[in-house]
Amino acid sequence: MKLQEKRKAAGLTQAQLAATSGLSVRTIQHYEQGLLDLNKAAAVTVWRLARALGCQVEDLLYLDEAELEMQEA
């Protein structure tokens, strides 16, 4: 899962990410376990996570082939 990989790369626990992003630990867990789909989250939720992890919003989302081609153009 992208979120878990980014969190671990940043050296954060779920609790630290939750505190930094303003989300609950349970919410972080659900996104990491795939119980919630981060692609369907509110934009502000994804933005808060990206900001807390020091990455771009796009780094946390799964994009399909067409979207990837559009970004590269």
PDB file of N, CA and C in Angstrom:
ATOM      1  N   MET A   1       0.854  -1.186   0.000  1.00  0.00           N
ATOM      2  CA  MET A   1       0.000   0.000   0.000  1.00  0.00           C
ATOM      3  C   MET A   1       0.892   1.238   0.000  1.00  0.00           C
ATOM      4  N   LYS A   2       0.529   2.187  -0.812  1.00  0.00           N
ATOM      5  CA  LYS A   2       1.337   3.390  -0.943  1.00  0.00           C
ATOM      6  C   LYS A   2       1.423   4.182   0.357  1.00  0.00           C
ATOM      7  N   LEU A   3       0.328   4.333   1.055  1.00  0.00           N
ATOM      8  CA  LEU A   3       0.330   5.125   2.274  1.00  0.00           C
ATOM      9  C   LEU A   3       1.272   4.522   3.307  1.00  0.00           C
ATOM     10  N   GLN A   4       1.172   3.241   3.517  1.00  0.00           N
ATOM     11  CA  GLN A   4       2.026   2.581   4.500  1.00  0.00           C
ATOM     12  C   GLN A   4       3.507   2.704   4.114  1.00  0.00           C
ATOM     13  N   GLU A   5       3.805   2.522   2.845  1.00  0.00           N
ATOM     14  CA  GLU A   5       5.187   2.648   2.372  1.00  0.00           C
ATOM     15  C   GLU A   5       5.718   4.057   2.609  1.00  0.00           C
ATOM     16  N   LYS A   6       4.942   5.057   2.286  1.00  0.00           N
ATOM     17  CA  LYS A   6       5.355   6.445   2.482  1.00  0.00           C
ATOM     18  C   LYS A   6       5.525   6.758   3.967  1.00  0.00           C
ATOM     19  N   ARG A   7       4.606   6.263   4.788  1.00  0.00           N
ATOM     20  CA  ARG A   7       4.682   6.508   6.232  1.00  0.00           C
ATOM     21  C   ARG A   7       5.955   5.905   6.807  1.00  0.00           C
ATOM     22  N   LYS A   8       6.231   4.660   6.441  1.00  0.00           N
ATOM     23  CA  LYS A   8       7.431   3.992   6.956  1.00  0.00           C
ATOM     24  C   LYS A   8       8.699   4.665   6.448  1.00  0.00           C
ATOM     25  N   ALA A   9       8.688   5.081   5.185  1.00  0.00           N
ATOM     26  CA  ALA A   9       9.849   5.772   4.622  1.00  0.00           C
ATOM     27  C   ALA A   9      10.108   7.091   5.347  1.00  0.00           C
ATOM     28  N   ALA A  10       9.039   7.711   5.830  1.00  0.00           N
ATOM     29  CA  ALA A  10       9.157   8.966   6.572  1.00  0.00           C
ATOM     30  C   ALA A  10       9.549   8.716   8.033  1.00  0.00           C
ATOM     31  N   GLY A  11       9.564   7.444   8.432  1.00  0.00           N
ATOM     32  CA  GLY A  11       9.937   7.101   9.798  1.00  0.00           C
ATOM     33  C   GLY A  11       8.878   7.431  10.831  1.00  0.00           C
ATOM     34  N   LEU A  12       7.629   7.394  10.406  1.00  0.00           N
ATOM     35  CA  LEU A  12       6.519   7.726  11.300  1.00  0.00           C
ATOM     36  C   LEU A  12       5.719   6.495  11.689  1.00  0.00           C
ATOM     37  N   THR A  13       5.218   6.493  12.895  1.00  0.00           N
ATOM     38  CA  THR A  13       4.255   5.474  13.307  1.00  0.00           C
ATOM     39  C   THR A  13       2.875   5.937  12.846  1.00  0.00           C
ATOM     40  N   GLN A  14       1.908   5.047  12.923  1.00  0.00           N
ATOM     41  CA  GLN A  14       0.542   5.441  12.578  1.00  0.00           C
ATOM     42  C   GLN A  14       0.061   6.549  13.501  1.00  0.00           C
ATOM     43  N   ALA A  15       0.402   6.458  14.769  1.00  0.00           N
ATOM     44  CA  ALA A  15      -0.011   7.482  15.744  1.00  0.00           C
ATOM     45  C   ALA A  15       0.622   8.835  15.416  1.00  0.00           C
ATOM     46  N   GLN A  16       1.883   8.841  15.015  1.00  0.00           N
ATOM     47  CA  GLN A  16       2.542  10.094  14.657  1.00  0.00           C
ATOM     48  C   GLN A  16       1.930  10.705  13.408  1.00  0.00           C
ATOM     49  N   LEU A  17       1.646   9.865  12.421  1.00  0.00           N
ATOM     50  CA  LEU A  17       1.012  10.366  11.203  1.00  0.00           C
ATOM     51  C   LEU A  17      -0.373  10.910  11.510  1.00  0.00           C
ATOM     52  N   ALA A  18      -1.102  10.220  12.358  1.00  0.00           N
ATOM     53  CA  ALA A  18      -2.437  10.680  12.736  1.00  0.00           C
ATOM     54  C   ALA A  18      -2.354  12.050  13.411  1.00  0.00           C
ATOM     55  N   ALA A  19      -1.430  12.194  14.340  1.00  0.00           N
ATOM     56  CA  ALA A  19      -1.290  13.468  15.054  1.00  0.00           C
ATOM     57  C   ALA A  19      -0.881  14.595  14.113  1.00  0.00           C
ATOM     58  N   THR A  20       0.022  14.319  13.205  1.00  0.00           N
ATOM     59  CA  THR A  20       0.519  15.334  12.279  1.00  0.00           C
ATOM     60  C   THR A  20      -0.527  15.721  11.242  1.00  0.00           C
ATOM     61  N   SER A  21      -1.302  14.740  10.794  1.00  0.00           N
ATOM     62  CA  SER A  21      -2.284  15.001   9.735  1.00  0.00           C
ATOM     63  C   SER A  21      -3.647  15.440  10.262  1.00  0.00           C
ATOM     64  N   GLY A  22      -3.886  15.206  11.542  1.00  0.00           N
ATOM     65  CA  GLY A  22      -5.190  15.553  12.107  1.00  0.00           C
ATOM     66  C   GLY A  22      -6.248  14.482  11.886  1.00  0.00           C
ATOM     67  N   LEU A  23      -5.830  13.323  11.379  1.00  0.00           N
ATOM     68  CA  LEU A  23      -6.753  12.208  11.192  1.00  0.00           C
ATOM     69  C   LEU A  23      -6.632  11.258  12.381  1.00  0.00           C
ATOM     70  N   SER A  24      -7.577  10.363  12.522  1.00  0.00           N
ATOM     71  CA  SER A  24      -7.504   9.399  13.614  1.00  0.00           C
ATOM     72  C   SER A  24      -6.602   8.227  13.241  1.00  0.00           C
ATOM     73  N   VAL A  25      -6.059   7.583  14.260  1.00  0.00           N
ATOM     74  CA  VAL A  25      -5.238   6.391  14.026  1.00  0.00           C
ATOM     75  C   VAL A  25      -6.067   5.344  13.305  1.00  0.00           C
ATOM     76  N   ARG A  26      -7.315   5.186  13.696  1.00  0.00           N
ATOM     77  CA  ARG A  26      -8.204   4.208  13.073  1.00  0.00           C
ATOM     78  C   ARG A  26      -8.353   4.485  11.577  1.00  0.00           C
ATOM     79  N   THR A  27      -8.485   5.743  11.215  1.00  0.00           N
ATOM     80  CA  THR A  27      -8.607   6.104   9.801  1.00  0.00           C
ATOM     81  C   THR A  27      -7.334   5.739   9.043  1.00  0.00           C
ATOM     82  N   ILE A  28      -6.182   6.053   9.621  1.00  0.00           N
ATOM     83  CA  ILE A  28      -4.904   5.686   9.005  1.00  0.00           C
ATOM     84  C   ILE A  28      -4.849   4.171   8.812  1.00  0.00           C
ATOM     85  N   GLN A  29      -5.224   3.422   9.838  1.00  0.00           N
ATOM     86  CA  GLN A  29      -5.224   1.960   9.760  1.00  0.00           C
ATOM     87  C   GLN A  29      -6.129   1.470   8.639  1.00  0.00           C
ATOM     88  N   HIS A  30      -7.301   2.033   8.532  1.00  0.00           N
ATOM     89  CA  HIS A  30      -8.259   1.606   7.509  1.00  0.00           C
ATOM     90  C   HIS A  30      -7.744   1.879   6.103  1.00  0.00           C
ATOM     91  N   TYR A  31      -7.101   3.016   5.906  1.00  0.00           N
ATOM     92  CA  TYR A  31      -6.514   3.299   4.591  1.00  0.00           C
ATOM     93  C   TYR A  31      -5.378   2.335   4.298  1.00  0.00           C
ATOM     94  N   GLU A  32      -4.542   2.080   5.281  1.00  0.00           N
ATOM     95  CA  GLU A  32      -3.406   1.184   5.053  1.00  0.00           C
ATOM     96  C   GLU A  32      -3.848  -0.258   4.813  1.00  0.00           C
ATOM     97  N   GLN A  33      -4.921  -0.670   5.432  1.00  0.00           N
ATOM     98  CA  GLN A  33      -5.411  -2.040   5.278  1.00  0.00           C
ATOM     99  C   GLN A  33      -6.311  -2.199   4.052  1.00  0.00           C
ATOM    100  N   GLY A  34      -6.625  -1.112   3.401  1.00  0.00           N
ATOM    101  CA  GLY A  34      -7.490  -1.181   2.225  1.00  0.00           C
ATOM    102  C   GLY A  34      -8.967  -1.243   2.553  1.00  0.00           C
ATOM    103  N   LEU A  35      -9.318  -1.000   3.805  1.00  0.00           N
ATOM    104  CA  LEU A  35     -10.727  -0.989   4.189  1.00  0.00           C
ATOM    105  C   LEU A  35     -11.405   0.293   3.721  1.00  0.00           C
ATOM    106  N   LEU A  36     -10.618   1.351   3.594  1.00  0.00           N
ATOM    107  CA  LEU A  36     -11.065   2.594   2.991  1.00  0.00           C
ATOM    108  C   LEU A  36     -10.182   2.852   1.778  1.00  0.00           C
ATOM    109  N   ASP A  37     -10.755   3.431   0.737  1.00  0.00           N
ATOM    110  CA  ASP A  37     -10.035   3.704  -0.503  1.00  0.00           C
ATOM    111  C   ASP A  37      -9.578   5.159  -0.511  1.00  0.00           C
ATOM    112  N   LEU A  38      -8.273   5.368  -0.436  1.00  0.00           N
ATOM    113  CA  LEU A  38      -7.734   6.721  -0.407  1.00  0.00           C
ATOM    114  C   LEU A  38      -8.063   7.484  -1.687  1.00  0.00           C
ATOM    115  N   ASN A  39      -8.242   6.771  -2.795  1.00  0.00           N
ATOM    116  CA  ASN A  39      -8.629   7.420  -4.051  1.00  0.00           C
ATOM    117  C   ASN A  39     -10.023   8.036  -3.966  1.00  0.00           C
ATOM    118  N   LYS A  40     -10.828   7.580  -3.035  1.00  0.00           N
ATOM    119  CA  LYS A  40     -12.189   8.092  -2.884  1.00  0.00           C
ATOM    120  C   LYS A  40     -12.331   9.017  -1.688  1.00  0.00           C
ATOM    121  N   ALA A  41     -11.214   9.328  -1.045  1.00  0.00           N
ATOM    122  CA  ALA A  41     -11.224  10.205   0.121  1.00  0.00           C
ATOM    123  C   ALA A  41     -11.434  11.654  -0.304  1.00  0.00           C
ATOM    124  N   ALA A  42     -11.850  12.473   0.642  1.00  0.00           N
ATOM    125  CA  ALA A  42     -11.972  13.904   0.380  1.00  0.00           C
ATOM    126  C   ALA A  42     -10.591  14.459   0.050  1.00  0.00           C
ATOM    127  N   ALA A  43     -10.560  15.420  -0.831  1.00  0.00           N
ATOM    128  CA  ALA A  43      -9.289  16.011  -1.253  1.00  0.00           C
ATOM    129  C   ALA A  43      -8.492  16.526  -0.065  1.00  0.00           C
ATOM    130  N   VAL A  44      -9.161  17.121   0.904  1.00  0.00           N
ATOM    131  CA  VAL A  44      -8.453  17.657   2.062  1.00  0.00           C
ATOM    132  C   VAL A  44      -7.794  16.541   2.873  1.00  0.00           C
ATOM    133  N   THR A  45      -8.384  15.367   2.913  1.00  0.00           N
ATOM    134  CA  THR A  45      -7.801  14.232   3.629  1.00  0.00           C
ATOM    135  C   THR A  45      -6.499  13.804   2.973  1.00  0.00           C
ATOM    136  N   VAL A  46      -6.509  13.654   1.669  1.00  0.00           N
ATOM    137  CA  VAL A  46      -5.311  13.245   0.943  1.00  0.00           C
ATOM    138  C   VAL A  46      -4.248  14.334   1.053  1.00  0.00           C
ATOM    139  N   TRP A  47      -4.657  15.580   0.970  1.00  0.00           N
ATOM    140  CA  TRP A  47      -3.722  16.702   1.095  1.00  0.00           C
ATOM    141  C   TRP A  47      -3.062  16.707   2.470  1.00  0.00           C
ATOM    142  N   ARG A  48      -3.847  16.483   3.523  1.00  0.00           N
ATOM    143  CA  ARG A  48      -3.289  16.463   4.885  1.00  0.00           C
ATOM    144  C   ARG A  48      -2.259  15.344   5.042  1.00  0.00           C
ATOM    145  N   LEU A  49      -2.561  14.182   4.486  1.00  0.00           N
ATOM    146  CA  LEU A  49      -1.624  13.065   4.557  1.00  0.00           C
ATOM    147  C   LEU A  49      -0.343  13.371   3.786  1.00  0.00           C
ATOM    148  N   ALA A  50      -0.500  13.894   2.585  1.00  0.00           N
ATOM    149  CA  ALA A  50       0.671  14.220   1.770  1.00  0.00           C
ATOM    150  C   ALA A  50       1.533  15.268   2.459  1.00  0.00           C
ATOM    151  N   ARG A  51       0.905  16.262   3.016  1.00  0.00           N
ATOM    152  CA  ARG A  51       1.649  17.320   3.720  1.00  0.00           C
ATOM    153  C   ARG A  51       2.406  16.747   4.914  1.00  0.00           C
ATOM    154  N   ALA A  52       1.752  15.884   5.676  1.00  0.00           N
ATOM    155  CA  ALA A  52       2.377  15.278   6.853  1.00  0.00           C
ATOM    156  C   ALA A  52       3.537  14.363   6.463  1.00  0.00           C
ATOM    157  N   LEU A  53       3.443  13.759   5.280  1.00  0.00           N
ATOM    158  CA  LEU A  53       4.479  12.832   4.813  1.00  0.00           C
ATOM    159  C   LEU A  53       5.550  13.511   3.959  1.00  0.00           C
ATOM    160  N   GLY A  54       5.337  14.768   3.627  1.00  0.00           N
ATOM    161  CA  GLY A  54       6.302  15.492   2.816  1.00  0.00           C
ATOM    162  C   GLY A  54       6.354  14.995   1.385  1.00  0.00           C
ATOM    163  N   CYS A  55       5.211  14.609   0.859  1.00  0.00           N
ATOM    164  CA  CYS A  55       5.161  14.120  -0.516  1.00  0.00           C
ATOM    165  C   CYS A  55       4.033  14.819  -1.267  1.00  0.00           C
ATOM    166  N   GLN A  56       3.886  14.480  -2.526  1.00  0.00           N
ATOM    167  CA  GLN A  56       2.817  15.025  -3.354  1.00  0.00           C
ATOM    168  C   GLN A  56       1.558  14.162  -3.195  1.00  0.00           C
ATOM    169  N   VAL A  57       0.417  14.770  -3.394  1.00  0.00           N
ATOM    170  CA  VAL A  57      -0.854  14.040  -3.340  1.00  0.00           C
ATOM    171  C   VAL A  57      -0.813  12.849  -4.292  1.00  0.00           C
ATOM    172  N   GLU A  58      -0.266  13.069  -5.485  1.00  0.00           N
ATOM    173  CA  GLU A  58      -0.204  12.025  -6.504  1.00  0.00           C
ATOM    174  C   GLU A  58       0.585  10.808  -6.033  1.00  0.00           C
ATOM    175  N   ASP A  59       1.511  11.016  -5.112  1.00  0.00           N
ATOM    176  CA  ASP A  59       2.322   9.913  -4.601  1.00  0.00           C
ATOM    177  C   ASP A  59       1.507   8.920  -3.778  1.00  0.00           C
ATOM    178  N   LEU A  60       0.350   9.342  -3.305  1.00  0.00           N
ATOM    179  CA  LEU A  60      -0.485   8.490  -2.453  1.00  0.00           C
ATOM    180  C   LEU A  60      -1.635   7.831  -3.198  1.00  0.00           C
ATOM    181  N   LEU A  61      -1.894   8.288  -4.412  1.00  0.00           N
ATOM    182  CA  LEU A  61      -3.044   7.793  -5.163  1.00  0.00           C
ATOM    183  C   LEU A  61      -2.629   6.797  -6.235  1.00  0.00           C
ATOM    184  N   TYR A  62      -3.536   5.902  -6.537  1.00  0.00           N
ATOM    185  CA  TYR A  62      -3.338   4.958  -7.631  1.00  0.00           C
ATOM    186  C   TYR A  62      -3.999   5.540  -8.861  1.00  0.00           C
ATOM    187  N   LEU A  63      -3.201   5.771  -9.895  1.00  0.00           N
ATOM    188  CA  LEU A  63      -3.718   6.348 -11.129  1.00  0.00           C
ATOM    189  C   LEU A  63      -3.739   5.280 -12.214  1.00  0.00           C
ATOM    190  N   ASP A  64      -4.722   5.364 -13.109  1.00  0.00           N
ATOM    191  CA  ASP A  64      -4.765   4.395 -14.204  1.00  0.00           C
ATOM    192  C   ASP A  64      -3.840   4.851 -15.332  1.00  0.00           C
ATOM    193  N   GLU A  65      -3.655   4.016 -16.313  1.00  0.00           N
ATOM    194  CA  GLU A  65      -2.717   4.272 -17.420  1.00  0.00           C
ATOM    195  C   GLU A  65      -3.012   5.593 -18.137  1.00  0.00           C
ATOM    196  N   ALA A  66      -4.272   5.886 -18.411  1.00  0.00           N
ATOM    197  CA  ALA A  66      -4.628   7.102 -19.139  1.00  0.00           C
ATOM    198  C   ALA A  66      -4.247   8.339 -18.335  1.00  0.00           C
ATOM    199  N   GLU A  67      -4.489   8.300 -17.034  1.00  0.00           N
ATOM    200  CA  GLU A  67      -4.138   9.437 -16.191  1.00  0.00           C
ATOM    201  C   GLU A  67      -2.629   9.634 -16.138  1.00  0.00           C
ATOM    202  N   LEU A  68      -1.882   8.552 -16.084  1.00  0.00           N
ATOM    203  CA  LEU A  68      -0.424   8.645 -16.064  1.00  0.00           C
ATOM    204  C   LEU A  68       0.106   9.271 -17.345  1.00  0.00           C
ATOM    205  N   GLU A  69      -0.470   8.879 -18.485  1.00  0.00           N
ATOM    206  CA  GLU A  69      -0.047   9.425 -19.776  1.00  0.00           C
ATOM    207  C   GLU A  69      -0.348  10.921 -19.836  1.00  0.00           C
ATOM    208  N   MET A  70      -1.470  11.333 -19.290  1.00  0.00           N
ATOM    209  CA  MET A  70      -1.832  12.750 -19.300  1.00  0.00           C
ATOM    210  C   MET A  70      -0.847  13.544 -18.445  1.00  0.00           C
ATOM    211  N   GLN A  71      -0.414  12.992 -17.325  1.00  0.00           N
ATOM    212  CA  GLN A  71       0.530  13.698 -16.461  1.00  0.00           C
ATOM    213  C   GLN A  71       1.892  13.850 -17.125  1.00  0.00           C
ATOM    214  N   GLU A  72       2.285  12.871 -17.912  1.00  0.00           N
ATOM    215  CA  GLU A  72       3.590  12.891 -18.563  1.00  0.00           C
ATOM    216  C   GLU A  72       3.617  13.833 -19.761  1.00  0.00           C
ATOM    217  N   ALA A  73       2.453  14.114 -20.328  1.00  0.00           N
ATOM    218  CA  ALA A  73       2.389  14.960 -21.540  1.00  0.00           C
ATOM    219  C   ALA A  73       2.633  16.427 -21.219  1.00  0.00           C
TER     220      ALA A  73
END
